[in-house]
Amino acid sequence: MSSRDFIMQIDAEWKGKEEDILEVFADATNDALTGITLKAPVDTGRFRSNILTSIDVPDITTLPKVTIKTANDVIADGQRKIYGRKRLTKYYIQNNLPYAMKLENGWSKQAPQGMIAITMNELQHKYDGMII
């Protein structure tokens, strides 16, 4: 089989499944956002409030100290960006506060194992064998 034949075979297998692929990708991204947000340690709420979801390019901002969001608000903000896309895109879930890496690496007694690594491990098991 030539490489052209192989590509045509793949195209034929995926034709008509674009919406399914987008849905799985959006669900996995939402699961990542939810897991990270719910595992985030909370003192003042500033760290959790600065979990940002963006599309195609990273969001380099941080929210002011006076902007405190609940976990539900953070997740809802991200879901508005994640769902309803008509094409496969890059999603970024990030926190730009200077101590974010310290928290991921066990700096908080509330989240001694971090948030991201645990969530990614959970997702790997949940989505094992899927296309995404």
C-alpha atoms as a PDB file:
ATOM      1  CA  MET A   1       0.000   0.000   0.000  1.00  0.00           C
ATOM      2  CA  SER A   2       1.377   3.396  -0.922  1.00  0.00           C
ATOM      3  CA  SER A   3       1.445   6.290   1.515  1.00  0.00           C
ATOM      4  CA  ARG A   4      -1.222   8.014  -0.595  1.00  0.00           C
ATOM      5  CA  ASP A   5      -3.496   4.956  -0.340  1.00  0.00           C
ATOM      6  CA  PHE A   6      -2.895   4.856   3.410  1.00  0.00           C
ATOM      7  CA  ILE A   7      -3.847   8.525   3.810  1.00  0.00           C
ATOM      8  CA  MET A   8      -6.969   8.024   1.707  1.00  0.00           C
ATOM      9  CA  GLN A   9      -7.936   5.030   3.878  1.00  0.00           C
ATOM     10  CA  ILE A  10      -7.535   7.081   7.053  1.00  0.00           C
ATOM     11  CA  ASP A  11      -9.546   9.943   5.547  1.00  0.00           C
ATOM     12  CA  ALA A  12     -12.345   7.511   4.667  1.00  0.00           C
ATOM     13  CA  GLU A  13     -12.396   6.035   8.189  1.00  0.00           C
ATOM     14  CA  TRP A  14     -12.577   9.459   9.872  1.00  0.00           C
ATOM     15  CA  LYS A  15     -15.060  11.030   7.461  1.00  0.00           C
ATOM     16  CA  GLY A  16     -18.256  11.821   9.297  1.00  0.00           C
ATOM     17  CA  LYS A  17     -16.688  11.446  12.750  1.00  0.00           C
ATOM     18  CA  GLU A  18     -15.483  15.034  13.144  1.00  0.00           C
ATOM     19  CA  GLU A  19     -18.233  15.960  15.593  1.00  0.00           C
ATOM     20  CA  ASP A  20     -17.492  12.885  17.713  1.00  0.00           C
ATOM     21  CA  ILE A  21     -13.810  13.785  17.805  1.00  0.00           C
ATOM     22  CA  LEU A  22     -14.578  17.387  18.815  1.00  0.00           C
ATOM     23  CA  GLU A  23     -16.919  16.162  21.554  1.00  0.00           C
ATOM     24  CA  VAL A  24     -14.368  13.767  23.049  1.00  0.00           C
ATOM     25  CA  PHE A  25     -11.668  16.431  22.889  1.00  0.00           C
ATOM     26  CA  ALA A  26     -13.935  19.016  24.554  1.00  0.00           C
ATOM     27  CA  ASP A  27     -15.011  16.529  27.237  1.00  0.00           C
ATOM     28  CA  ALA A  28     -11.388  15.604  27.997  1.00  0.00           C
ATOM     29  CA  THR A  29     -10.438  19.285  28.217  1.00  0.00           C
ATOM     30  CA  ASN A  30     -13.387  19.971  30.498  1.00  0.00           C
ATOM     31  CA  ASP A  31     -12.411  17.008  32.682  1.00  0.00           C
ATOM     32  CA  ALA A  32      -8.880  18.419  32.929  1.00  0.00           C
ATOM     33  CA  LEU A  33     -10.159  21.891  33.868  1.00  0.00           C
ATOM     34  CA  THR A  34     -12.587  20.478  36.427  1.00  0.00           C
ATOM     35  CA  GLY A  35     -10.030  18.162  38.001  1.00  0.00           C
ATOM     36  CA  ILE A  36      -7.364  20.836  38.296  1.00  0.00           C
ATOM     37  CA  THR A  37      -9.808  23.426  39.634  1.00  0.00           C
ATOM     38  CA  LEU A  38     -11.335  21.141  42.266  1.00  0.00           C
ATOM     39  CA  LYS A  39      -7.885  19.992  43.428  1.00  0.00           C
ATOM     40  CA  ALA A  40      -6.527  23.546  43.722  1.00  0.00           C
ATOM     41  CA  PRO A  41      -5.661  24.518  47.283  1.00  0.00           C
ATOM     42  CA  VAL A  42      -7.649  27.469  48.594  1.00  0.00           C
ATOM     43  CA  ASP A  43      -6.426  30.027  51.100  1.00  0.00           C
ATOM     44  CA  THR A  44      -7.666  33.367  49.813  1.00  0.00           C
ATOM     45  CA  GLY A  45      -9.058  31.927  46.559  1.00  0.00           C
ATOM     46  CA  ARG A  46      -6.693  33.912  44.353  1.00  0.00           C
ATOM     47  CA  PHE A  47      -4.891  30.857  42.992  1.00  0.00           C
ATOM     48  CA  ARG A  48      -8.089  29.055  42.024  1.00  0.00           C
ATOM     49  CA  SER A  49      -9.510  32.255  40.512  1.00  0.00           C
ATOM     50  CA  ASN A  50      -6.465  32.495  38.246  1.00  0.00           C
ATOM     51  CA  ILE A  51      -6.978  29.112  36.595  1.00  0.00           C
ATOM     52  CA  LEU A  52      -7.577  30.384  33.083  1.00  0.00           C
ATOM     53  CA  THR A  53      -8.777  28.607  29.954  1.00  0.00           C
ATOM     54  CA  SER A  54      -7.903  30.034  26.553  1.00  0.00           C
ATOM     55  CA  ILE A  55      -8.126  28.990  22.922  1.00  0.00           C
ATOM     56  CA  ASP A  56      -5.271  28.774  20.395  1.00  0.00           C
ATOM     57  CA  VAL A  57      -2.864  30.968  22.388  1.00  0.00           C
ATOM     58  CA  PRO A  58      -1.993  31.074  26.089  1.00  0.00           C
ATOM     59  CA  ASP A  59      -3.604  33.783  28.209  1.00  0.00           C
ATOM     60  CA  ILE A  60      -0.720  35.575  29.929  1.00  0.00           C
ATOM     61  CA  THR A  61      -2.835  37.612  32.354  1.00  0.00           C
ATOM     62  CA  THR A  62      -3.434  37.309  36.059  1.00  0.00           C
ATOM     63  CA  LEU A  63      -6.578  38.469  37.784  1.00  0.00           C
ATOM     64  CA  PRO A  64      -6.349  41.163  40.457  1.00  0.00           C
ATOM     65  CA  LYS A  65      -6.388  40.158  44.108  1.00  0.00           C
ATOM     66  CA  VAL A  66      -9.919  41.477  44.503  1.00  0.00           C
ATOM     67  CA  THR A  67     -11.285  39.093  41.825  1.00  0.00           C
ATOM     68  CA  ILE A  68     -12.232  35.924  43.672  1.00  0.00           C
ATOM     69  CA  LYS A  69     -14.193  33.210  41.861  1.00  0.00           C
ATOM     70  CA  THR A  70     -15.745  30.016  43.105  1.00  0.00           C
ATOM     71  CA  ALA A  71     -14.678  26.710  41.585  1.00  0.00           C
ATOM     72  CA  ASN A  72     -18.005  26.639  39.727  1.00  0.00           C
ATOM     73  CA  ASP A  73     -17.310  30.082  38.236  1.00  0.00           C
ATOM     74  CA  VAL A  74     -13.828  29.041  37.053  1.00  0.00           C
ATOM     75  CA  ILE A  75     -15.205  25.865  35.471  1.00  0.00           C
ATOM     76  CA  ALA A  76     -18.158  27.671  33.853  1.00  0.00           C
ATOM     77  CA  ASP A  77     -15.824  30.317  32.373  1.00  0.00           C
ATOM     78  CA  GLY A  78     -13.737  27.558  30.828  1.00  0.00           C
ATOM     79  CA  GLN A  79     -16.716  25.578  29.569  1.00  0.00           C
ATOM     80  CA  ARG A  80     -17.972  28.605  27.645  1.00  0.00           C
ATOM     81  CA  LYS A  81     -14.699  28.495  25.704  1.00  0.00           C
ATOM     82  CA  ILE A  82     -14.370  24.718  25.432  1.00  0.00           C
ATOM     83  CA  TYR A  83     -17.781  23.705  24.115  1.00  0.00           C
ATOM     84  CA  GLY A  84     -19.388  24.635  20.830  1.00  0.00           C
ATOM     85  CA  ARG A  85     -16.195  24.761  18.780  1.00  0.00           C
ATOM     86  CA  LYS A  86     -16.569  23.847  15.114  1.00  0.00           C
ATOM     87  CA  ARG A  87     -12.956  22.822  14.604  1.00  0.00           C
ATOM     88  CA  LEU A  88     -10.232  21.079  16.523  1.00  0.00           C
ATOM     89  CA  THR A  89      -8.202  23.684  18.349  1.00  0.00           C
ATOM     90  CA  LYS A  90      -5.633  24.042  21.095  1.00  0.00           C
ATOM     91  CA  TYR A  91      -6.909  24.673  24.579  1.00  0.00           C
ATOM     92  CA  TYR A  92      -4.714  26.070  27.329  1.00  0.00           C
ATOM     93  CA  ILE A  93      -5.459  25.657  31.012  1.00  0.00           C
ATOM     94  CA  GLN A  94      -2.972  27.625  33.043  1.00  0.00           C
ATOM     95  CA  ASN A  95      -2.258  29.688  36.088  1.00  0.00           C
ATOM     96  CA  ASN A  96       0.196  32.549  35.713  1.00  0.00           C
ATOM     97  CA  LEU A  97       0.708  33.378  39.371  1.00  0.00           C
ATOM     98  CA  PRO A  98       4.380  33.174  40.338  1.00  0.00           C
ATOM     99  CA  TYR A  99       3.797  30.464  42.944  1.00  0.00           C
ATOM    100  CA  ALA A 100       1.765  28.126  40.693  1.00  0.00           C
ATOM    101  CA  MET A 101       4.673  25.725  40.096  1.00  0.00           C
ATOM    102  CA  LYS A 102       5.419  25.615  43.825  1.00  0.00           C
ATOM    103  CA  LEU A 103       1.834  24.520  44.482  1.00  0.00           C
ATOM    104  CA  GLU A 104       2.035  21.869  41.768  1.00  0.00           C
ATOM    105  CA  ASN A 105       5.224  20.575  43.352  1.00  0.00           C
ATOM    106  CA  GLY A 106       3.750  20.059  46.831  1.00  0.00           C
ATOM    107  CA  TRP A 107       4.128  23.461  48.502  1.00  0.00           C
ATOM    108  CA  SER A 108       0.586  23.297  49.911  1.00  0.00           C
ATOM    109  CA  LYS A 109      -0.550  20.917  52.630  1.00  0.00           C
ATOM    110  CA  GLN A 110      -3.992  20.993  50.986  1.00  0.00           C
ATOM    111  CA  ALA A 111      -2.571  19.618  47.723  1.00  0.00           C
ATOM    112  CA  PRO A 112       0.739  17.934  48.597  1.00  0.00           C
ATOM    113  CA  GLN A 113       0.667  15.880  45.374  1.00  0.00           C
ATOM    114  CA  GLY A 114      -0.191  18.883  43.211  1.00  0.00           C
ATOM    115  CA  MET A 115      -3.179  19.149  40.920  1.00  0.00           C
ATOM    116  CA  ILE A 116      -2.091  18.780  37.326  1.00  0.00           C
ATOM    117  CA  ALA A 117      -0.124  15.534  37.521  1.00  0.00           C
ATOM    118  CA  ILE A 118      -2.895  13.785  39.453  1.00  0.00           C
ATOM    119  CA  THR A 119      -5.573  15.027  37.057  1.00  0.00           C
ATOM    120  CA  MET A 120      -3.569  13.993  33.979  1.00  0.00           C
ATOM    121  CA  ASN A 121      -3.078  10.526  35.437  1.00  0.00           C
ATOM    122  CA  GLU A 122      -6.824  10.236  36.037  1.00  0.00           C
ATOM    123  CA  LEU A 123      -7.552  11.334  32.472  1.00  0.00           C
ATOM    124  CA  GLN A 124      -5.048   8.915  31.035  1.00  0.00           C
ATOM    125  CA  HIS A 125      -6.940   6.067  32.672  1.00  0.00           C
ATOM    126  CA  LYS A 126     -10.368   7.439  31.762  1.00  0.00           C
ATOM    127  CA  TYR A 127      -9.543   8.036  28.095  1.00  0.00           C
ATOM    128  CA  ASP A 128      -7.198   5.075  27.585  1.00  0.00           C
ATOM    129  CA  GLY A 129      -7.863   3.488  24.209  1.00  0.00           C
ATOM    130  CA  MET A 130      -9.859   6.423  22.872  1.00  0.00           C
ATOM    131  CA  ILE A 131      -8.889   8.380  19.801  1.00  0.00           C
ATOM    132  CA  ILE A 132      -7.742  11.424  21.745  1.00  0.00           C
END
